[in-house]
Amino acid sequence: MRTLFLLILSCFPLLSRAQIKATTEEGRGVILNLDGTWRYAPTSTPAGISVDAGFDCSALLTEDYDEVTGRKTTRVTDAIVLSDDNTNGVVLNVFRSDASGYFIFFMFKVVDEGKTPCFDKSNRLYLLFTDGSRQEYYNGADFNCDGTFYFTVSINAAGRKLLKEFQEKQLKTIRLVGYKGESFQRDFDQYQAAYLNQAVGCMARSIEK
């Protein structure tokens, strides 16, 4: 399991793909990437999107191929950054690897006051959706002090039910509890929640192809 975990970390482009949302003088929203590139933000944010069979997922997912290992990783193109100051906060990436089979990984990286907290497998993540429903997950990562927390959802009957919630419900708040009992809580805005709706649906479809 540790070998798989290290492989997953090696193909997880977190902070290099973090983003900042800004507004031009003309009032148009833009997404600023930390590598200096930018793009216009979507002009509308439909709520509760469930990706149907006709949806084009090419803009939401990126495939990375490791020539040395021969493994392919499918990930959400843009990580979701939950931060008030672009320094402290939580970065969420969603991905799957050939090495992980029929599992989708939801991986979080936490930075608090410039430091990365510790997590072990007894620590939990709490999810609150806008309709008041909740989900709860234990950490799947080994003990670490680099702020890494992840959980997986399998494409089986139980997993499909959970993924359906991720596609159809708006995520409102997440709270991670660290090794020392400290809490790290962040809210999703409407754009981030809708983006996650679409991305999870596309990721599920990529497995079923």
Foldseek 3Di string as FASTA:
>chain_A
DVVVVVVVVVPDPWLQQAWDWDADPVGWIKIAGPVGDIGTDDPDFDAQAADDPPDDCPQQWDWDADPVVRKIKIWGPHWDFFDDPSQFAKTWIWIDIPVRAQKIKIKIAGADPNFAAWAAQAKKKWWAFPVGDIDMDTFPDHIDRRRIGMDMAGPDPVSVVVLSCLQGTFIFKMWIAHPVRDIGMGTDDSRRRSSSNVNSNVNNVVNVD
